[in-house]
N, C-alpha and C. Protein backbone atom coordinates (compact mmCIF):
# COMPACT_ATOMS: atom_id res chain seq x y z
N MET A 1 1.04 -1.34 0.09
CA MET A 1 -0.15 -0.05 -0.18
C MET A 1 1.35 1.28 0.16
N SER A 2 0.38 1.81 -0.86
CA SER A 2 1.07 3.59 -0.65
C SER A 2 1.44 4.27 0.29
N GLN A 3 1.89 4.76 1.02
CA GLN A 3 2.22 5.67 2.00
C GLN A 3 1.39 6.96 1.94
N GLY A 4 0.62 7.46 2.79
CA GLY A 4 -0.29 8.38 2.69
C GLY A 4 -1.83 8.22 2.54
N TYR A 5 -2.02 7.00 2.19
CA TYR A 5 -3.34 6.87 1.84
C TYR A 5 -4.09 5.72 3.24
N ASP A 6 -5.26 6.63 3.28
CA ASP A 6 -5.87 5.86 4.74
C ASP A 6 -6.61 4.99 4.17
N LEU A 7 -6.19 3.84 5.64
CA LEU A 7 -6.73 2.42 5.47
C LEU A 7 -8.43 2.40 4.99
N GLY A 8 -8.54 3.54 6.31
CA GLY A 8 -10.03 3.42 6.80
C GLY A 8 -11.11 3.91 5.62
N LEU A 9 -10.47 4.45 4.22
CA LEU A 9 -11.14 4.90 2.89
C LEU A 9 -10.40 3.91 1.90
N GLU A 10 -11.22 2.89 2.07
CA GLU A 10 -10.62 1.87 0.90
C GLU A 10 -11.64 1.05 0.38
N GLY A 11 -11.70 0.99 -0.90
CA GLY A 11 -12.84 0.65 -1.68
C GLY A 11 -12.29 -0.10 -3.06
N ARG A 12 -13.51 -0.25 -3.69
CA ARG A 12 -12.70 -0.90 -5.28
C ARG A 12 -13.44 -0.76 -6.49
N VAL A 13 -12.70 -1.21 -7.30
CA VAL A 13 -13.16 -0.30 -8.74
C VAL A 13 -14.25 -1.48 -9.14
N VAL A 14 -15.57 -1.15 -8.96
CA VAL A 14 -15.94 -2.17 -9.71
C VAL A 14 -16.14 -2.73 -11.33
N ALA A 15 -16.23 -1.61 -12.00
CA ALA A 15 -16.36 -1.49 -13.51
C ALA A 15 -15.60 0.09 -14.02
N VAL A 16 -14.86 -0.05 -15.44
CA VAL A 16 -14.42 0.41 -15.97
C VAL A 16 -14.89 1.27 -17.45
N ALA A 17 -14.89 1.93 -18.25
CA ALA A 17 -15.46 2.47 -19.17
C ALA A 17 -14.91 3.75 -20.00
N ALA A 18 -15.06 3.98 -21.69
CA ALA A 18 -14.44 4.67 -21.99
C ALA A 18 -15.36 4.56 -23.56
N ASP A 19 -15.46 5.63 -24.08
CA ASP A 19 -15.82 5.72 -25.57
C ASP A 19 -15.29 6.97 -26.23
N ARG A 20 -14.93 6.73 -27.45
CA ARG A 20 -14.27 7.74 -28.40
C ARG A 20 -15.15 8.73 -28.84
N GLY A 21 -16.61 8.67 -28.85
CA GLY A 21 -17.45 9.34 -29.00
C GLY A 21 -17.92 10.33 -27.89
N HIS A 22 -18.55 11.30 -28.11
CA HIS A 22 -19.98 11.94 -27.33
C HIS A 22 -20.88 11.43 -26.69
N HIS A 23 -21.11 10.06 -26.41
CA HIS A 23 -22.22 9.64 -26.15
C HIS A 23 -22.56 9.89 -24.86
N PHE A 24 -23.94 9.72 -24.07
CA PHE A 24 -24.21 9.39 -22.54
C PHE A 24 -23.40 8.78 -22.03
N SER A 25 -23.98 7.41 -22.67
CA SER A 25 -23.28 6.04 -21.77
C SER A 25 -22.09 5.67 -22.64
N LYS A 26 -20.99 5.11 -21.54
CA LYS A 26 -20.06 4.49 -22.11
C LYS A 26 -20.22 3.15 -21.87
N PRO A 27 -19.42 2.24 -23.15
CA PRO A 27 -19.42 0.91 -23.16
C PRO A 27 -18.05 0.45 -21.70
N THR A 28 -18.67 -0.35 -21.40
CA THR A 28 -17.56 -1.14 -19.87
C THR A 28 -16.07 -1.42 -20.87
N GLN A 29 -15.34 -1.65 -20.58
CA GLN A 29 -14.19 -1.90 -21.12
C GLN A 29 -13.46 -3.32 -19.65
N GLU A 30 -12.60 -4.00 -20.43
CA GLU A 30 -11.73 -4.82 -19.43
C GLU A 30 -10.80 -4.26 -18.42
N ARG A 31 -10.01 -3.06 -18.92
CA ARG A 31 -9.56 -2.13 -18.65
C ARG A 31 -9.22 -0.66 -19.16
N ILE A 32 -8.93 0.14 -18.74
CA ILE A 32 -8.71 1.54 -19.27
C ILE A 32 -7.34 2.33 -19.02
N ILE A 33 -6.79 3.10 -19.51
CA ILE A 33 -5.52 3.60 -18.63
C ILE A 33 -5.45 5.24 -18.80
N LEU A 34 -5.24 5.54 -17.65
CA LEU A 34 -5.38 6.48 -17.27
C LEU A 34 -3.94 7.56 -17.76
N VAL A 35 -3.90 8.52 -18.41
CA VAL A 35 -3.02 9.19 -18.79
C VAL A 35 -2.52 10.95 -17.82
N LYS A 36 -1.61 10.59 -17.30
CA LYS A 36 -1.52 12.39 -16.27
C LYS A 36 -1.68 13.82 -16.98
N GLY A 37 -2.57 14.40 -16.58
CA GLY A 37 -2.90 15.44 -17.29
C GLY A 37 -3.57 15.58 -18.56
N HIS A 38 -3.99 14.40 -18.82
CA HIS A 38 -5.18 13.87 -20.04
C HIS A 38 -6.29 13.44 -19.75
N GLY A 39 -6.34 12.34 -19.10
CA GLY A 39 -7.48 11.72 -18.67
C GLY A 39 -7.56 10.39 -19.57
N VAL A 40 -8.72 9.56 -19.65
CA VAL A 40 -8.75 8.41 -19.92
C VAL A 40 -7.98 8.24 -21.52
N GLU A 41 -7.59 7.01 -21.60
CA GLU A 41 -7.03 7.18 -23.05
C GLU A 41 -8.14 6.85 -23.79
N GLY A 42 -8.18 7.32 -25.20
CA GLY A 42 -9.38 7.03 -26.40
C GLY A 42 -10.88 7.27 -25.49
N ASP A 43 -10.78 7.79 -24.74
CA ASP A 43 -12.29 8.92 -23.95
C ASP A 43 -12.26 9.58 -24.78
N ALA A 44 -13.86 10.43 -25.12
CA ALA A 44 -14.06 11.93 -25.88
C ALA A 44 -13.48 12.99 -24.72
N HIS A 45 -13.75 12.44 -23.81
CA HIS A 45 -13.63 14.14 -22.52
C HIS A 45 -12.21 13.87 -22.28
N ALA A 46 -11.32 13.35 -22.60
CA ALA A 46 -9.94 13.21 -22.46
C ALA A 46 -9.41 14.32 -22.82
N GLY A 47 -7.71 15.38 -22.82
CA GLY A 47 -7.83 16.47 -23.27
C GLY A 47 -7.44 17.14 -22.01
N PRO A 48 -5.90 17.99 -22.00
CA PRO A 48 -5.68 19.29 -21.57
C PRO A 48 -6.60 20.45 -20.75
N PHE A 49 -7.56 20.60 -21.90
CA PHE A 49 -8.67 21.38 -22.28
C PHE A 49 -10.03 20.81 -21.88
N VAL A 50 -11.10 21.41 -21.87
CA VAL A 50 -12.11 21.03 -21.54
C VAL A 50 -13.01 20.37 -22.73
N ARG A 51 -13.04 19.29 -22.37
CA ARG A 51 -14.04 18.31 -23.55
C ARG A 51 -15.35 18.41 -23.59
N HIS A 52 -15.87 19.10 -22.26
CA HIS A 52 -17.44 18.62 -22.57
C HIS A 52 -18.18 19.69 -23.45
N ARG A 53 -18.88 19.44 -24.20
CA ARG A 53 -19.08 19.85 -25.70
C ARG A 53 -19.76 21.63 -25.59
N TYR A 54 -20.66 21.60 -24.05
CA TYR A 54 -21.12 22.97 -23.85
C TYR A 54 -19.99 23.52 -23.67
N LEU A 55 -19.44 23.48 -22.57
CA LEU A 55 -18.03 24.35 -22.14
C LEU A 55 -17.18 24.70 -22.99
N ALA A 56 -16.80 23.60 -24.17
CA ALA A 56 -16.00 23.68 -25.17
C ALA A 56 -16.17 24.73 -26.01
N ARG A 57 -17.29 25.16 -26.30
CA ARG A 57 -17.69 26.00 -27.62
C ARG A 57 -17.60 27.56 -26.82
N ARG A 58 -17.84 27.92 -25.70
CA ARG A 58 -17.60 29.08 -24.79
C ARG A 58 -16.28 29.11 -24.65
N GLN A 59 -15.53 28.31 -23.49
CA GLN A 59 -14.52 28.50 -23.50
C GLN A 59 -13.78 27.44 -23.97
N PRO A 60 -13.12 27.23 -25.07
CA PRO A 60 -12.37 25.99 -25.59
C PRO A 60 -10.62 26.09 -25.01
N ARG A 61 -10.27 27.31 -24.03
CA ARG A 61 -8.70 26.87 -23.42
C ARG A 61 -8.99 26.54 -22.05
N LEU A 62 -9.85 26.47 -21.45
CA LEU A 62 -10.29 26.40 -20.00
C LEU A 62 -10.28 25.03 -19.96
N ARG A 63 -9.23 24.95 -18.78
CA ARG A 63 -8.69 23.93 -17.94
C ARG A 63 -9.38 23.10 -17.95
N ASN A 64 -9.39 21.46 -18.46
CA ASN A 64 -10.27 20.63 -18.22
C ASN A 64 -10.25 19.79 -16.78
N LEU A 65 -11.17 20.31 -16.12
CA LEU A 65 -11.20 19.55 -14.65
C LEU A 65 -12.07 18.29 -14.89
N ARG A 66 -12.32 17.85 -15.51
CA ARG A 66 -13.54 16.64 -16.03
C ARG A 66 -12.49 15.57 -16.82
N GLN A 67 -11.77 15.21 -16.23
CA GLN A 67 -10.69 14.30 -17.47
C GLN A 67 -11.48 12.52 -17.00
N VAL A 68 -11.93 12.68 -15.60
CA VAL A 68 -12.41 11.58 -15.42
C VAL A 68 -13.79 11.45 -14.36
N HIS A 69 -14.81 10.49 -14.66
CA HIS A 69 -15.58 10.65 -13.68
C HIS A 69 -15.97 9.77 -13.23
N LEU A 70 -16.20 9.56 -12.12
CA LEU A 70 -16.45 8.35 -11.00
C LEU A 70 -17.34 8.16 -10.33
N ILE A 71 -18.22 7.54 -10.37
CA ILE A 71 -19.65 7.27 -9.55
C ILE A 71 -19.76 5.86 -9.00
N PRO A 72 -20.42 5.98 -7.49
CA PRO A 72 -20.24 4.94 -6.24
C PRO A 72 -21.66 3.92 -7.29
N SER A 73 -21.03 2.98 -7.28
CA SER A 73 -21.99 2.02 -7.36
C SER A 73 -23.38 1.66 -6.33
N GLU A 74 -23.00 1.88 -5.64
CA GLU A 74 -24.63 1.85 -4.28
C GLU A 74 -25.21 3.04 -4.61
N LEU A 75 -24.94 3.72 -5.65
CA LEU A 75 -26.41 4.50 -6.21
C LEU A 75 -27.45 4.05 -6.89
N PHE A 76 -26.90 2.89 -7.88
CA PHE A 76 -27.83 1.90 -8.42
C PHE A 76 -28.56 1.50 -7.89
N PRO A 77 -28.87 0.84 -6.75
CA PRO A 77 -29.80 0.09 -6.17
C PRO A 77 -31.13 0.96 -5.81
N SER A 78 -31.32 2.72 -5.34
CA SER A 78 -31.72 3.34 -5.06
C SER A 78 -32.40 3.64 -6.35
N LEU A 79 -31.58 3.48 -7.62
CA LEU A 79 -32.49 4.30 -9.06
C LEU A 79 -33.07 3.25 -9.47
N VAL A 80 -33.16 1.80 -9.29
CA VAL A 80 -33.74 0.80 -9.54
C VAL A 80 -34.92 0.69 -8.90
N GLU A 81 -34.63 1.08 -7.38
CA GLU A 81 -35.88 0.96 -6.34
C GLU A 81 -36.90 1.71 -7.36
N ALA A 82 -36.22 3.18 -7.67
CA ALA A 82 -37.40 4.21 -8.14
C ALA A 82 -37.82 4.21 -9.44
N GLY A 83 -37.46 2.88 -9.68
CA GLY A 83 -38.14 2.28 -11.78
C GLY A 83 -37.08 2.42 -12.83
N PHE A 84 -35.40 2.65 -12.21
CA PHE A 84 -34.53 3.85 -13.07
C PHE A 84 -33.94 2.01 -13.32
N GLU A 85 -33.71 1.19 -14.39
CA GLU A 85 -32.63 0.06 -14.71
C GLU A 85 -31.48 0.93 -15.22
N VAL A 86 -30.45 1.25 -14.30
CA VAL A 86 -28.92 1.57 -14.45
C VAL A 86 -28.03 0.83 -13.97
N GLY A 87 -27.00 0.77 -14.96
CA GLY A 87 -25.38 0.11 -14.46
C GLY A 87 -24.54 0.69 -14.86
N ALA A 88 -23.09 0.02 -14.75
CA ALA A 88 -22.01 0.51 -14.62
C ALA A 88 -21.72 1.10 -16.62
N GLY A 89 -21.15 2.56 -16.22
CA GLY A 89 -20.93 2.90 -17.78
C GLY A 89 -22.23 3.87 -18.51
N ASP A 90 -23.45 3.49 -17.76
CA ASP A 90 -24.93 4.04 -18.15
C ASP A 90 -24.85 5.56 -18.10
N LEU A 91 -24.26 6.14 -16.91
CA LEU A 91 -24.48 7.30 -16.67
C LEU A 91 -23.32 8.27 -17.18
N GLY A 92 -22.23 7.66 -17.79
CA GLY A 92 -21.20 8.44 -18.32
C GLY A 92 -19.70 8.26 -17.69
N GLU A 93 -19.70 7.43 -16.49
CA GLU A 93 -18.97 7.46 -15.85
C GLU A 93 -17.68 6.36 -16.45
N ASN A 94 -16.55 6.61 -16.08
CA ASN A 94 -15.42 6.23 -16.54
C ASN A 94 -15.24 4.91 -15.58
N VAL A 95 -15.50 5.39 -14.18
CA VAL A 95 -14.82 4.35 -13.04
C VAL A 95 -16.19 4.41 -12.06
N THR A 96 -16.56 3.14 -11.72
CA THR A 96 -17.83 2.83 -11.13
C THR A 96 -16.98 2.02 -9.74
N THR A 97 -17.15 2.52 -8.53
CA THR A 97 -16.56 2.06 -6.88
C THR A 97 -17.64 1.72 -6.22
N SER A 98 -16.85 0.81 -5.27
CA SER A 98 -17.75 0.27 -4.56
C SER A 98 -16.92 0.49 -3.14
N GLY A 99 -17.69 1.20 -2.05
CA GLY A 99 -16.98 1.36 -0.90
C GLY A 99 -16.65 2.73 -0.41
N LEU A 100 -16.85 3.79 -1.43
CA LEU A 100 -16.45 5.12 -1.37
C LEU A 100 -17.48 5.81 -1.16
N ALA A 101 -17.81 6.80 -0.52
CA ALA A 101 -18.99 7.84 -0.72
C ALA A 101 -18.35 9.55 -1.39
N LEU A 102 -18.07 8.67 -2.57
CA LEU A 102 -17.24 10.06 -3.40
C LEU A 102 -17.74 11.50 -3.27
N GLU A 103 -18.85 11.27 -3.08
CA GLU A 103 -19.49 12.86 -3.46
C GLU A 103 -19.85 14.14 -2.00
N ARG A 104 -19.14 12.94 -0.78
CA ARG A 104 -19.01 13.55 0.34
C ARG A 104 -17.47 14.05 0.88
N MET A 105 -16.49 13.54 -0.34
CA MET A 105 -15.19 13.76 0.02
C MET A 105 -14.86 15.19 -0.53
N PRO A 106 -14.02 15.76 0.41
CA PRO A 106 -13.12 16.93 -0.18
C PRO A 106 -12.62 17.32 -1.19
N LEU A 107 -12.95 18.37 -1.70
CA LEU A 107 -12.03 18.98 -2.99
C LEU A 107 -10.36 18.74 -2.73
N GLY A 108 -10.01 18.11 -3.40
CA GLY A 108 -8.36 17.92 -3.66
C GLY A 108 -7.94 16.58 -2.98
N THR A 109 -9.42 15.56 -2.67
CA THR A 109 -9.03 14.25 -2.59
C THR A 109 -8.19 13.81 -3.68
N LEU A 110 -7.21 12.77 -3.39
CA LEU A 110 -6.92 11.70 -4.37
C LEU A 110 -7.05 10.52 -4.23
N ILE A 111 -7.51 9.51 -4.98
CA ILE A 111 -7.83 8.60 -5.17
C ILE A 111 -7.16 7.26 -6.06
N LYS A 112 -6.26 6.48 -5.50
CA LYS A 112 -5.43 5.74 -6.45
C LYS A 112 -6.42 4.60 -6.43
N LEU A 113 -6.19 4.44 -7.99
CA LEU A 113 -7.28 3.59 -8.83
C LEU A 113 -5.95 2.42 -9.11
N GLY A 114 -6.10 1.14 -8.85
CA GLY A 114 -5.01 0.39 -8.78
C GLY A 114 -3.76 0.38 -8.36
N PRO A 115 -2.94 -0.40 -8.79
CA PRO A 115 -1.21 -0.24 -8.48
C PRO A 115 -0.48 1.47 -8.97
N SER A 116 -0.85 2.08 -9.75
CA SER A 116 -0.37 3.72 -9.89
C SER A 116 -0.89 4.64 -10.13
N ALA A 117 -2.31 4.08 -10.57
CA ALA A 117 -3.06 5.66 -10.93
C ALA A 117 -3.51 6.41 -9.97
N VAL A 118 -3.69 7.86 -9.99
CA VAL A 118 -4.03 8.48 -9.28
C VAL A 118 -5.10 9.70 -9.66
N VAL A 119 -5.96 10.29 -9.20
CA VAL A 119 -6.92 10.99 -9.80
C VAL A 119 -7.30 11.92 -8.47
N GLU A 120 -6.89 13.24 -8.93
CA GLU A 120 -7.45 14.02 -7.50
C GLU A 120 -9.13 15.02 -8.21
N LEU A 121 -9.86 14.36 -7.42
CA LEU A 121 -11.21 15.29 -7.14
C LEU A 121 -11.28 16.75 -7.62
N THR A 122 -12.26 16.95 -8.82
CA THR A 122 -12.06 18.27 -9.09
C THR A 122 -13.62 18.97 -8.25
N GLY A 123 -14.86 17.74 -8.89
CA GLY A 123 -16.04 18.74 -8.36
C GLY A 123 -17.20 17.60 -8.38
N LEU A 124 -17.97 18.07 -8.60
CA LEU A 124 -19.76 17.17 -8.91
C LEU A 124 -19.85 17.47 -9.79
N ARG A 125 -20.24 16.12 -10.03
CA ARG A 125 -20.88 15.80 -11.86
C ARG A 125 -22.36 16.40 -11.65
N THR A 126 -22.62 17.87 -12.13
CA THR A 126 -23.69 18.28 -12.22
C THR A 126 -24.71 17.56 -13.45
N PRO A 127 -25.63 16.86 -12.96
CA PRO A 127 -26.84 16.29 -13.85
C PRO A 127 -27.33 17.14 -15.07
N CYS A 128 -27.45 16.85 -16.29
CA CYS A 128 -27.60 17.77 -17.26
C CYS A 128 -29.25 17.23 -17.92
N VAL A 129 -29.49 17.65 -18.48
CA VAL A 129 -30.79 17.49 -19.19
C VAL A 129 -30.23 16.03 -20.18
N LEU A 130 -29.47 15.90 -20.20
CA LEU A 130 -29.22 14.33 -20.88
C LEU A 130 -29.19 13.77 -19.99
N ILE A 131 -29.48 13.39 -19.44
CA ILE A 131 -29.63 12.77 -17.97
C ILE A 131 -31.67 12.05 -18.13
N ASP A 132 -32.26 12.95 -18.07
CA ASP A 132 -33.64 12.85 -18.62
C ASP A 132 -33.87 12.49 -20.21
N ARG A 133 -32.66 12.42 -21.43
CA ARG A 133 -32.87 11.79 -22.38
C ARG A 133 -33.27 10.23 -22.42
N PHE A 134 -31.96 10.40 -21.12
CA PHE A 134 -31.53 9.04 -21.38
C PHE A 134 -32.52 8.00 -20.20
N ARG A 135 -32.97 8.42 -19.51
CA ARG A 135 -34.17 7.93 -18.81
C ARG A 135 -35.48 8.85 -18.14
N ALA A 136 -36.11 9.32 -18.71
CA ALA A 136 -37.19 10.44 -18.21
C ALA A 136 -37.36 10.35 -17.15
N GLY A 137 -37.05 11.30 -16.09
CA GLY A 137 -37.36 11.45 -14.82
C GLY A 137 -36.02 11.37 -13.68
N LEU A 138 -35.41 10.76 -14.66
CA LEU A 138 -34.04 10.40 -13.93
C LEU A 138 -33.27 11.76 -13.18
N LYS A 139 -33.09 12.60 -13.45
CA LYS A 139 -32.76 13.75 -13.27
C LYS A 139 -33.23 13.87 -11.97
N ARG A 140 -34.49 14.20 -11.84
CA ARG A 140 -35.24 14.29 -10.61
C ARG A 140 -34.62 13.40 -9.55
N GLN A 141 -34.62 11.99 -9.85
CA GLN A 141 -33.93 11.04 -8.97
C GLN A 141 -32.59 11.39 -8.05
N VAL A 142 -31.63 12.00 -9.09
CA VAL A 142 -30.47 12.39 -8.40
C VAL A 142 -29.95 13.48 -8.14
N LEU A 143 -31.23 14.42 -8.35
CA LEU A 143 -30.87 15.44 -7.17
C LEU A 143 -31.24 15.81 -6.05
N SER A 144 -30.03 16.31 -4.76
CA SER A 144 -30.64 15.52 -3.58
C SER A 144 -31.79 16.92 -3.10
N SER A 145 -32.74 16.16 -2.28
CA SER A 145 -34.06 17.24 -1.82
C SER A 145 -33.69 17.26 -0.16
N ALA A 146 -32.69 16.45 0.09
CA ALA A 146 -32.83 16.54 2.00
C ALA A 146 -31.94 17.89 2.47
N GLY A 147 -31.50 18.51 1.74
CA GLY A 147 -30.97 19.54 1.94
C GLY A 147 -29.56 19.55 2.72
N THR A 148 -29.34 18.24 3.43
CA THR A 148 -27.90 18.01 3.94
C THR A 148 -26.83 17.04 2.85
N GLY A 149 -25.82 16.80 2.92
CA GLY A 149 -25.00 16.83 1.61
C GLY A 149 -24.79 17.11 0.69
N PRO A 150 -24.29 16.30 -0.10
CA PRO A 150 -24.10 17.09 -1.80
C PRO A 150 -25.45 16.79 -2.25
N PRO A 151 -25.65 18.56 -3.52
CA PRO A 151 -26.81 18.77 -3.91
C PRO A 151 -26.96 17.56 -5.31
N PHE A 152 -26.22 16.74 -5.52
CA PHE A 152 -26.03 15.90 -6.78
C PHE A 152 -25.71 14.72 -6.50
N LYS A 153 -26.59 13.42 -6.56
CA LYS A 153 -25.77 12.03 -6.45
C LYS A 153 -25.40 11.41 -8.04
N SER A 154 -24.68 12.28 -8.86
CA SER A 154 -24.42 11.62 -9.82
C SER A 154 -22.79 11.38 -10.31
N GLY A 155 -22.22 11.15 -9.38
CA GLY A 155 -20.58 11.06 -9.49
C GLY A 155 -20.17 12.41 -9.10
N VAL A 156 -18.44 11.99 -9.07
CA VAL A 156 -17.56 13.01 -9.28
C VAL A 156 -16.65 13.33 -10.65
N LEU A 157 -16.04 14.25 -10.33
CA LEU A 157 -15.14 14.40 -11.72
C LEU A 157 -13.56 15.20 -11.26
N GLY A 158 -12.38 14.68 -11.85
CA GLY A 158 -11.50 14.89 -11.42
C GLY A 158 -10.58 14.80 -12.42
N VAL A 159 -9.15 15.20 -12.49
CA VAL A 159 -7.66 15.12 -13.17
C VAL A 159 -7.20 13.95 -12.96
N VAL A 160 -6.36 13.58 -13.61
CA VAL A 160 -5.28 12.71 -13.77
C VAL A 160 -4.28 12.93 -12.94
N GLN A 161 -3.64 12.78 -11.76
CA GLN A 161 -2.25 13.25 -11.64
C GLN A 161 -1.11 12.22 -11.60
N ALA A 162 -1.76 10.78 -11.35
CA ALA A 162 -0.46 9.85 -12.06
C ALA A 162 -1.04 8.89 -13.07
N GLY A 163 -0.21 8.16 -14.16
CA GLY A 163 -1.18 7.44 -15.10
C GLY A 163 -1.06 6.19 -14.44
N GLY A 164 -1.34 5.38 -15.07
CA GLY A 164 -1.59 4.46 -14.95
C GLY A 164 -2.78 3.13 -15.50
N THR A 165 -2.79 1.90 -15.24
CA THR A 165 -3.85 0.91 -15.92
C THR A 165 -5.14 0.78 -14.64
N VAL A 166 -6.32 0.74 -14.98
CA VAL A 166 -7.28 0.42 -14.28
C VAL A 166 -8.69 -0.42 -14.54
N ALA A 167 -8.60 -1.48 -13.74
CA ALA A 167 -9.49 -2.36 -14.26
C ALA A 167 -10.62 -2.73 -13.05
N ALA A 168 -11.97 -3.68 -12.84
CA ALA A 168 -12.44 -3.82 -12.41
C ALA A 168 -12.00 -4.88 -11.50
N GLY A 169 -12.26 -4.83 -10.02
CA GLY A 169 -11.39 -5.72 -8.94
C GLY A 169 -10.12 -4.90 -8.36
N ASP A 170 -10.21 -3.97 -9.03
CA ASP A 170 -8.67 -3.20 -8.69
C ASP A 170 -8.85 -2.32 -7.25
N ALA A 171 -8.30 -2.10 -6.30
CA ALA A 171 -8.29 -1.39 -4.97
C ALA A 171 -8.42 -0.17 -5.65
N ALA A 172 -9.41 0.78 -4.94
CA ALA A 172 -9.34 2.38 -4.56
C ALA A 172 -9.33 2.82 -3.46
N ARG A 173 -8.07 3.76 -3.41
CA ARG A 173 -7.69 3.96 -2.35
C ARG A 173 -7.66 5.54 -1.83
N VAL A 174 -8.22 6.28 -0.52
CA VAL A 174 -7.96 7.36 -0.75
C VAL A 174 -7.29 8.14 -0.02
N ARG A 175 -6.60 8.97 -0.39
CA ARG A 175 -6.16 10.34 0.46
C ARG A 175 -6.60 11.55 0.57
N LEU A 176 -7.02 11.76 2.05
CA LEU A 176 -8.01 13.07 2.27
C LEU A 176 -7.07 14.28 2.08
N PRO A 177 -6.96 15.75 1.83
CA PRO A 177 -6.09 16.90 1.65
C PRO A 177 -5.53 17.00 3.33
N SER A 178 -4.76 17.47 3.22
CA SER A 178 -3.97 17.71 4.58
C SER A 178 -4.41 18.72 5.10
N SER A 179 -5.17 19.79 4.69
CA SER A 179 -5.27 21.33 4.97
C SER A 179 -6.92 21.22 5.09
N SER A 180 -7.13 22.08 3.82
CA SER A 180 -8.78 22.65 4.02
C SER A 180 -9.32 21.96 3.24
N PHE A 181 -10.41 21.51 4.21
CA PHE A 181 -11.20 20.53 4.00
C PHE A 181 -12.89 21.28 3.44
N ARG A 182 -12.21 21.21 1.63
CA ARG A 182 -13.73 22.06 1.06
C ARG A 182 -14.51 21.37 0.51
N PRO A 183 -15.97 21.43 0.68
CA PRO A 183 -16.86 20.66 -0.20
C PRO A 183 -16.32 20.84 -1.84
N LEU A 184 -17.07 19.46 -2.44
CA LEU A 184 -16.36 19.57 -4.19
C LEU A 184 -17.63 20.75 -4.72
N PRO A 185 -17.10 21.42 -5.34
CA PRO A 185 -18.06 22.25 -5.99
C PRO A 185 -18.81 21.64 -7.54
N ALA A 186 -19.88 22.05 -7.94
CA ALA A 186 -20.54 21.80 -9.00
C ALA A 186 -19.63 22.13 -9.69
N LEU A 187 -19.57 21.08 -11.23
CA LEU A 187 -18.71 21.08 -12.19
C LEU A 187 -19.58 21.14 -13.64
């Protein structure tokens, strides 16, 4: 185990996904390769500058804080219970985890995926209109109405700080920031 990663904050990678095209869902893969400062090799959202279609049209030289999308698999049963059939890759995530409360982690949290890849969390993924095009009414389900905790339940976004291969079954180890504990902003 790498020094500095909290033993109490360890989960697993359930699935990985990538897609060269700008589609809402991403097909699951056997493994993905994370590239430092770039994102998921071969994924439409990879690159040093923003690749989100809406944002890229307005600010094409904006730093890409959305290189990797992670989502907790614990979200899926509640969506299924509400009548939405959702699985790994369906919500556009690159990495599906278990055992980590991703949306509750502070800004700057580092997540080590597999033997060497590290993703720094930059924000909460904001659900857009495309989520309702995927499944009508789903956006309402991922918006938090409790008033406590994160405003969205649709995963987190991050940038790749160290590259490496990530596959289902890999460990996901967390290192919290040493100083500030600011909540993840909406991206």
